[in-house]
Amino acid sequence: MPKKITPMTDTQIKNAKPQSKDYPIYDGNGLLLLIKSTGTKIWQLSAWDTKK
């Protein structure tokens, strides 16, 4: 059974603190927030082409 990913809340985003390594927080549907070790927060969206 696939893991259910719940959408991030504003509080989770604000409370995300830098660690010794970069780490992602997943929001589902290809969206993630990458927390860099420097404290930078980068949104990333995975997009794919479904046309063949």
Foldseek 3Di string as FASTA:
>chain_A
DDDDAAADDPVVVVPDAADPAWDWRDGDPQWIWIQGNVRDIDIDGDDDDPDD
